[in-house]
N, C-alpha and C. Protein backbone atom coordinates (compact mmCIF):
# COMPACT_ATOMS: atom_id res chain seq x y z
N MET A 1 -4.49 1.18 19.00
CA MET A 1 -3.59 0.07 18.84
C MET A 1 -2.81 0.27 17.57
N ALA A 2 -1.49 0.12 17.63
CA ALA A 2 -0.64 0.31 16.46
C ALA A 2 0.15 -0.96 16.20
N PHE A 3 0.29 -1.31 14.94
CA PHE A 3 1.06 -2.47 14.55
C PHE A 3 2.39 -2.00 14.00
N THR A 4 3.45 -2.73 14.32
CA THR A 4 4.76 -2.34 13.82
C THR A 4 5.36 -3.39 12.90
N MET A 5 4.87 -4.61 12.94
CA MET A 5 5.42 -5.69 12.13
C MET A 5 4.40 -6.14 11.11
N LEU A 6 4.79 -6.17 9.86
CA LEU A 6 3.90 -6.63 8.81
C LEU A 6 4.32 -8.03 8.39
N LYS A 7 3.45 -8.99 8.60
CA LYS A 7 3.75 -10.37 8.24
C LYS A 7 3.80 -10.59 6.74
N SER A 8 3.07 -9.78 5.98
CA SER A 8 2.92 -10.05 4.56
C SER A 8 4.02 -9.45 3.69
N LEU A 9 5.01 -8.80 4.25
CA LEU A 9 6.09 -8.24 3.45
C LEU A 9 7.04 -9.35 3.01
N ILE A 10 7.40 -9.33 1.74
CA ILE A 10 8.33 -10.31 1.21
C ILE A 10 9.46 -9.57 0.52
N THR A 11 10.61 -10.20 0.43
CA THR A 11 11.74 -9.53 -0.18
C THR A 11 12.08 -10.16 -1.53
N THR A 12 12.66 -9.35 -2.38
CA THR A 12 13.16 -9.80 -3.68
C THR A 12 14.52 -9.15 -3.89
N GLU A 13 15.22 -9.59 -4.89
CA GLU A 13 16.50 -8.99 -5.22
C GLU A 13 16.32 -8.01 -6.37
N GLU A 14 16.85 -6.81 -6.23
CA GLU A 14 16.81 -5.81 -7.29
C GLU A 14 18.21 -5.27 -7.46
N LYS A 15 18.88 -5.64 -8.56
CA LYS A 15 20.24 -5.23 -8.84
C LYS A 15 21.18 -5.49 -7.67
N GLY A 16 21.08 -6.70 -7.11
CA GLY A 16 21.98 -7.10 -6.05
C GLY A 16 21.61 -6.63 -4.66
N GLN A 17 20.58 -5.81 -4.55
CA GLN A 17 20.17 -5.32 -3.23
C GLN A 17 18.77 -5.83 -2.92
N PRO A 18 18.56 -6.32 -1.69
CA PRO A 18 17.23 -6.79 -1.35
C PRO A 18 16.23 -5.63 -1.33
N SER A 19 15.04 -5.89 -1.82
CA SER A 19 13.98 -4.89 -1.77
C SER A 19 12.65 -5.62 -1.62
N LEU A 20 11.66 -4.88 -1.21
CA LEU A 20 10.35 -5.48 -1.02
C LEU A 20 9.61 -5.57 -2.35
N ALA A 21 8.91 -6.67 -2.55
CA ALA A 21 8.09 -6.84 -3.75
C ALA A 21 6.90 -5.88 -3.66
N PRO A 22 6.31 -5.53 -4.81
CA PRO A 22 5.14 -4.64 -4.75
C PRO A 22 4.06 -5.23 -3.85
N LEU A 23 3.66 -4.47 -2.90
CA LEU A 23 2.66 -4.90 -1.93
C LEU A 23 1.56 -3.86 -1.91
N HIS A 24 0.39 -4.26 -2.37
CA HIS A 24 -0.74 -3.32 -2.41
C HIS A 24 -1.19 -3.03 -0.98
N PRO A 25 -1.48 -1.76 -0.68
CA PRO A 25 -1.93 -1.44 0.67
C PRO A 25 -3.22 -2.16 1.07
N GLY A 26 -4.00 -2.57 0.08
CA GLY A 26 -5.19 -3.36 0.38
C GLY A 26 -4.85 -4.70 0.99
N GLU A 27 -3.72 -5.29 0.56
CA GLU A 27 -3.27 -6.55 1.15
C GLU A 27 -2.89 -6.33 2.61
N VAL A 28 -2.22 -5.23 2.89
CA VAL A 28 -1.85 -4.93 4.27
C VAL A 28 -3.10 -4.74 5.12
N LEU A 29 -4.06 -3.98 4.61
CA LEU A 29 -5.30 -3.77 5.35
C LEU A 29 -6.00 -5.09 5.60
N ARG A 30 -6.08 -5.92 4.59
CA ARG A 30 -6.78 -7.20 4.69
C ARG A 30 -6.05 -8.18 5.62
N GLU A 31 -4.75 -8.35 5.41
CA GLU A 31 -3.99 -9.40 6.12
C GLU A 31 -3.48 -8.99 7.49
N GLU A 32 -3.20 -7.71 7.67
CA GLU A 32 -2.60 -7.27 8.93
C GLU A 32 -3.60 -6.62 9.89
N TYR A 33 -4.74 -6.26 9.39
CA TYR A 33 -5.74 -5.60 10.24
C TYR A 33 -7.06 -6.35 10.25
N MET A 34 -7.65 -6.56 9.09
CA MET A 34 -8.97 -7.18 9.05
C MET A 34 -8.95 -8.61 9.57
N ALA A 35 -8.09 -9.44 9.01
CA ALA A 35 -8.06 -10.86 9.38
C ALA A 35 -7.73 -11.06 10.87
N PRO A 36 -6.62 -10.50 11.37
CA PRO A 36 -6.29 -10.75 12.77
C PRO A 36 -7.30 -10.18 13.77
N LEU A 37 -7.92 -9.07 13.40
CA LEU A 37 -8.86 -8.41 14.31
C LEU A 37 -10.31 -8.82 14.06
N GLY A 38 -10.52 -9.66 13.06
CA GLY A 38 -11.87 -10.11 12.75
C GLY A 38 -12.79 -8.99 12.29
N LEU A 39 -12.24 -8.06 11.52
CA LEU A 39 -13.01 -6.90 11.08
C LEU A 39 -13.55 -7.09 9.67
N SER A 40 -14.74 -6.59 9.44
CA SER A 40 -15.33 -6.59 8.11
C SER A 40 -15.09 -5.24 7.46
N ALA A 41 -15.25 -5.20 6.14
CA ALA A 41 -15.14 -3.93 5.42
C ALA A 41 -16.19 -2.96 5.94
N GLY A 42 -17.38 -3.48 6.24
CA GLY A 42 -18.45 -2.63 6.74
C GLY A 42 -18.11 -1.99 8.07
N LYS A 43 -17.49 -2.75 8.95
CA LYS A 43 -17.13 -2.21 10.27
C LYS A 43 -16.05 -1.13 10.14
N ILE A 44 -15.07 -1.37 9.29
CA ILE A 44 -14.02 -0.37 9.08
C ILE A 44 -14.62 0.88 8.43
N ALA A 45 -15.46 0.66 7.43
CA ALA A 45 -16.08 1.78 6.73
C ALA A 45 -16.90 2.63 7.67
N LYS A 46 -17.66 1.99 8.54
CA LYS A 46 -18.48 2.73 9.49
C LYS A 46 -17.60 3.55 10.43
N ALA A 47 -16.54 2.93 10.94
CA ALA A 47 -15.63 3.63 11.85
C ALA A 47 -14.95 4.81 11.16
N ALA A 48 -14.62 4.64 9.87
CA ALA A 48 -13.90 5.68 9.13
C ALA A 48 -14.85 6.67 8.46
N ASN A 49 -16.14 6.38 8.52
CA ASN A 49 -17.16 7.24 7.90
C ASN A 49 -16.95 7.37 6.39
N VAL A 50 -16.76 6.20 5.75
CA VAL A 50 -16.64 6.12 4.29
C VAL A 50 -17.59 5.03 3.79
N PRO A 51 -17.88 5.03 2.49
CA PRO A 51 -18.72 3.96 1.94
C PRO A 51 -18.04 2.59 2.09
N ARG A 52 -18.82 1.59 2.41
CA ARG A 52 -18.32 0.22 2.55
C ARG A 52 -17.62 -0.23 1.27
N THR A 53 -18.16 0.16 0.13
CA THR A 53 -17.57 -0.25 -1.15
C THR A 53 -16.15 0.27 -1.33
N ARG A 54 -15.84 1.40 -0.72
CA ARG A 54 -14.47 1.92 -0.82
C ARG A 54 -13.49 0.95 -0.16
N ILE A 55 -13.83 0.52 1.04
CA ILE A 55 -12.95 -0.43 1.75
C ILE A 55 -12.91 -1.76 1.02
N GLU A 56 -14.05 -2.23 0.54
CA GLU A 56 -14.09 -3.50 -0.20
C GLU A 56 -13.20 -3.44 -1.44
N ARG A 57 -13.25 -2.34 -2.17
CA ARG A 57 -12.44 -2.22 -3.38
C ARG A 57 -10.95 -2.10 -3.07
N ILE A 58 -10.62 -1.46 -1.94
CA ILE A 58 -9.21 -1.38 -1.53
C ILE A 58 -8.69 -2.77 -1.20
N VAL A 59 -9.43 -3.53 -0.39
CA VAL A 59 -8.93 -4.85 0.02
C VAL A 59 -8.94 -5.86 -1.13
N ARG A 60 -9.75 -5.61 -2.16
CA ARG A 60 -9.70 -6.45 -3.37
C ARG A 60 -8.61 -5.96 -4.31
N GLU A 61 -7.91 -4.91 -3.91
CA GLU A 61 -6.80 -4.32 -4.66
C GLU A 61 -7.24 -3.78 -6.01
N GLU A 62 -8.47 -3.27 -6.05
CA GLU A 62 -9.02 -2.65 -7.26
C GLU A 62 -8.71 -1.16 -7.32
N ILE A 63 -8.60 -0.54 -6.17
CA ILE A 63 -8.26 0.88 -6.09
C ILE A 63 -7.19 1.07 -5.04
N GLY A 64 -6.55 2.23 -5.10
CA GLY A 64 -5.53 2.56 -4.13
C GLY A 64 -6.10 3.37 -2.98
N ILE A 65 -5.21 3.75 -2.10
CA ILE A 65 -5.58 4.54 -0.94
C ILE A 65 -5.29 6.00 -1.23
N THR A 66 -6.30 6.83 -1.10
CA THR A 66 -6.16 8.28 -1.29
C THR A 66 -5.71 8.92 0.02
N ALA A 67 -5.34 10.17 -0.06
CA ALA A 67 -4.97 10.91 1.16
C ALA A 67 -6.13 10.93 2.15
N ASP A 68 -7.33 11.12 1.64
CA ASP A 68 -8.52 11.13 2.50
C ASP A 68 -8.66 9.81 3.25
N THR A 69 -8.53 8.72 2.54
CA THR A 69 -8.66 7.40 3.16
C THR A 69 -7.50 7.14 4.11
N ALA A 70 -6.30 7.59 3.76
CA ALA A 70 -5.13 7.40 4.62
C ALA A 70 -5.32 8.08 5.96
N VAL A 71 -5.84 9.29 5.93
CA VAL A 71 -6.08 10.03 7.18
C VAL A 71 -7.09 9.26 8.04
N ARG A 72 -8.14 8.77 7.40
CA ARG A 72 -9.19 8.05 8.14
C ARG A 72 -8.68 6.72 8.70
N LEU A 73 -7.94 5.96 7.88
CA LEU A 73 -7.41 4.69 8.37
C LEU A 73 -6.39 4.92 9.49
N GLY A 74 -5.61 5.99 9.36
CA GLY A 74 -4.67 6.33 10.43
C GLY A 74 -5.38 6.54 11.75
N LYS A 75 -6.49 7.21 11.70
CA LYS A 75 -7.27 7.47 12.92
C LYS A 75 -7.89 6.17 13.44
N VAL A 76 -8.50 5.40 12.55
CA VAL A 76 -9.19 4.16 12.95
C VAL A 76 -8.22 3.15 13.59
N PHE A 77 -7.02 3.04 13.04
CA PHE A 77 -6.08 2.02 13.50
C PHE A 77 -4.91 2.58 14.33
N ALA A 78 -4.99 3.85 14.71
CA ALA A 78 -3.94 4.47 15.53
C ALA A 78 -2.57 4.35 14.87
N THR A 79 -2.57 4.55 13.54
CA THR A 79 -1.31 4.63 12.80
C THR A 79 -1.20 6.07 12.33
N THR A 80 -0.38 6.30 11.34
CA THR A 80 -0.29 7.64 10.77
C THR A 80 -0.82 7.60 9.34
N PRO A 81 -1.30 8.72 8.83
CA PRO A 81 -1.67 8.76 7.42
C PRO A 81 -0.47 8.44 6.52
N GLU A 82 0.71 8.84 6.96
CA GLU A 82 1.93 8.60 6.18
C GLU A 82 2.19 7.11 6.00
N PHE A 83 1.86 6.32 7.00
CA PHE A 83 2.02 4.86 6.88
C PHE A 83 1.26 4.36 5.66
N TRP A 84 -0.01 4.75 5.55
CA TRP A 84 -0.86 4.28 4.45
C TRP A 84 -0.43 4.89 3.13
N MET A 85 -0.07 6.18 3.13
CA MET A 85 0.35 6.82 1.89
C MET A 85 1.69 6.27 1.41
N ASN A 86 2.60 5.95 2.32
CA ASN A 86 3.88 5.37 1.93
C ASN A 86 3.70 4.00 1.30
N LEU A 87 2.78 3.20 1.85
CA LEU A 87 2.48 1.91 1.23
C LEU A 87 1.98 2.11 -0.20
N GLN A 88 1.06 3.06 -0.38
CA GLN A 88 0.50 3.31 -1.70
C GLN A 88 1.55 3.86 -2.66
N SER A 89 2.34 4.80 -2.20
CA SER A 89 3.36 5.41 -3.04
C SER A 89 4.39 4.37 -3.49
N ARG A 90 4.83 3.55 -2.56
CA ARG A 90 5.81 2.52 -2.89
C ARG A 90 5.24 1.54 -3.90
N TYR A 91 4.00 1.13 -3.69
CA TYR A 91 3.35 0.22 -4.62
C TYR A 91 3.28 0.84 -6.02
N ASP A 92 2.81 2.08 -6.09
CA ASP A 92 2.67 2.77 -7.37
C ASP A 92 4.01 2.87 -8.09
N LEU A 93 5.07 3.22 -7.36
CA LEU A 93 6.39 3.36 -7.98
C LEU A 93 6.93 2.03 -8.49
N LEU A 94 6.79 0.97 -7.71
CA LEU A 94 7.28 -0.33 -8.15
C LEU A 94 6.52 -0.85 -9.36
N VAL A 95 5.22 -0.64 -9.39
CA VAL A 95 4.42 -1.06 -10.54
C VAL A 95 4.82 -0.26 -11.78
N ALA A 96 5.01 1.04 -11.62
CA ALA A 96 5.41 1.89 -12.74
C ALA A 96 6.79 1.49 -13.26
N LYS A 97 7.74 1.25 -12.35
CA LYS A 97 9.07 0.84 -12.77
C LYS A 97 9.04 -0.47 -13.54
N ALA A 98 8.23 -1.40 -13.10
CA ALA A 98 8.12 -2.68 -13.80
C ALA A 98 7.51 -2.50 -15.18
N ALA A 99 6.47 -1.68 -15.27
CA ALA A 99 5.80 -1.45 -16.54
C ALA A 99 6.69 -0.71 -17.53
N LEU A 100 7.56 0.13 -17.04
CA LEU A 100 8.42 0.95 -17.90
C LEU A 100 9.83 0.40 -18.06
N ALA A 101 10.09 -0.79 -17.55
CA ALA A 101 11.46 -1.32 -17.50
C ALA A 101 12.19 -1.24 -18.84
N ALA A 102 11.55 -1.72 -19.89
CA ALA A 102 12.21 -1.72 -21.20
C ALA A 102 12.47 -0.29 -21.68
N GLU A 103 11.50 0.58 -21.51
CA GLU A 103 11.66 1.96 -21.94
C GLU A 103 12.72 2.68 -21.12
N LEU A 104 12.80 2.39 -19.84
CA LEU A 104 13.79 3.03 -18.97
C LEU A 104 15.21 2.67 -19.40
N GLU A 105 15.39 1.47 -19.95
CA GLU A 105 16.72 1.05 -20.43
C GLU A 105 17.19 1.97 -21.55
N GLU A 106 16.28 2.54 -22.31
CA GLU A 106 16.62 3.40 -23.43
C GLU A 106 16.86 4.85 -23.05
N ILE A 107 16.49 5.23 -21.85
CA ILE A 107 16.63 6.62 -21.43
C ILE A 107 18.08 6.89 -21.02
N LYS A 108 18.63 7.95 -21.56
CA LYS A 108 20.03 8.31 -21.31
C LYS A 108 20.09 9.39 -20.23
N LEU A 109 21.14 9.35 -19.44
CA LEU A 109 21.38 10.37 -18.42
C LEU A 109 21.81 11.66 -19.08
N LEU A 110 21.38 12.78 -18.55
CA LEU A 110 21.80 14.08 -19.05
C LEU A 110 22.82 14.70 -18.09
N GLY A 111 23.81 15.36 -18.66
CA GLY A 111 24.77 16.09 -17.84
C GLY A 111 25.71 15.24 -17.02
N VAL A 112 25.83 13.98 -17.38
CA VAL A 112 26.73 13.10 -16.65
C VAL A 112 27.83 12.68 -17.61
N GLY A 113 29.10 12.94 -17.21
CA GLY A 113 30.29 12.70 -18.00
C GLY A 113 30.23 11.55 -18.87
């Protein structure tokens, strides 16, 4: 079973263009898979052959999704590993951009007229 619509995505404005707010992949796992399907962390962990604590920590947004976990979740939920890795990558980039915002203002472009 594959899901194509994520209910938990929200939009924000970034320099005049709409963009998605940072969304931890654990929130997607929790809200789009666990809650609607009535799944526990233990059941997902057993299906994916990973420790239950790994899934619990992901859904509590304490840790991110590794490539290993992405491959396993892709198999368990009939998605792709790229789906999970893209969620994680996007989250990481948005968090980094926010944390570095002031410093990024000071960085000058090189080789541009």
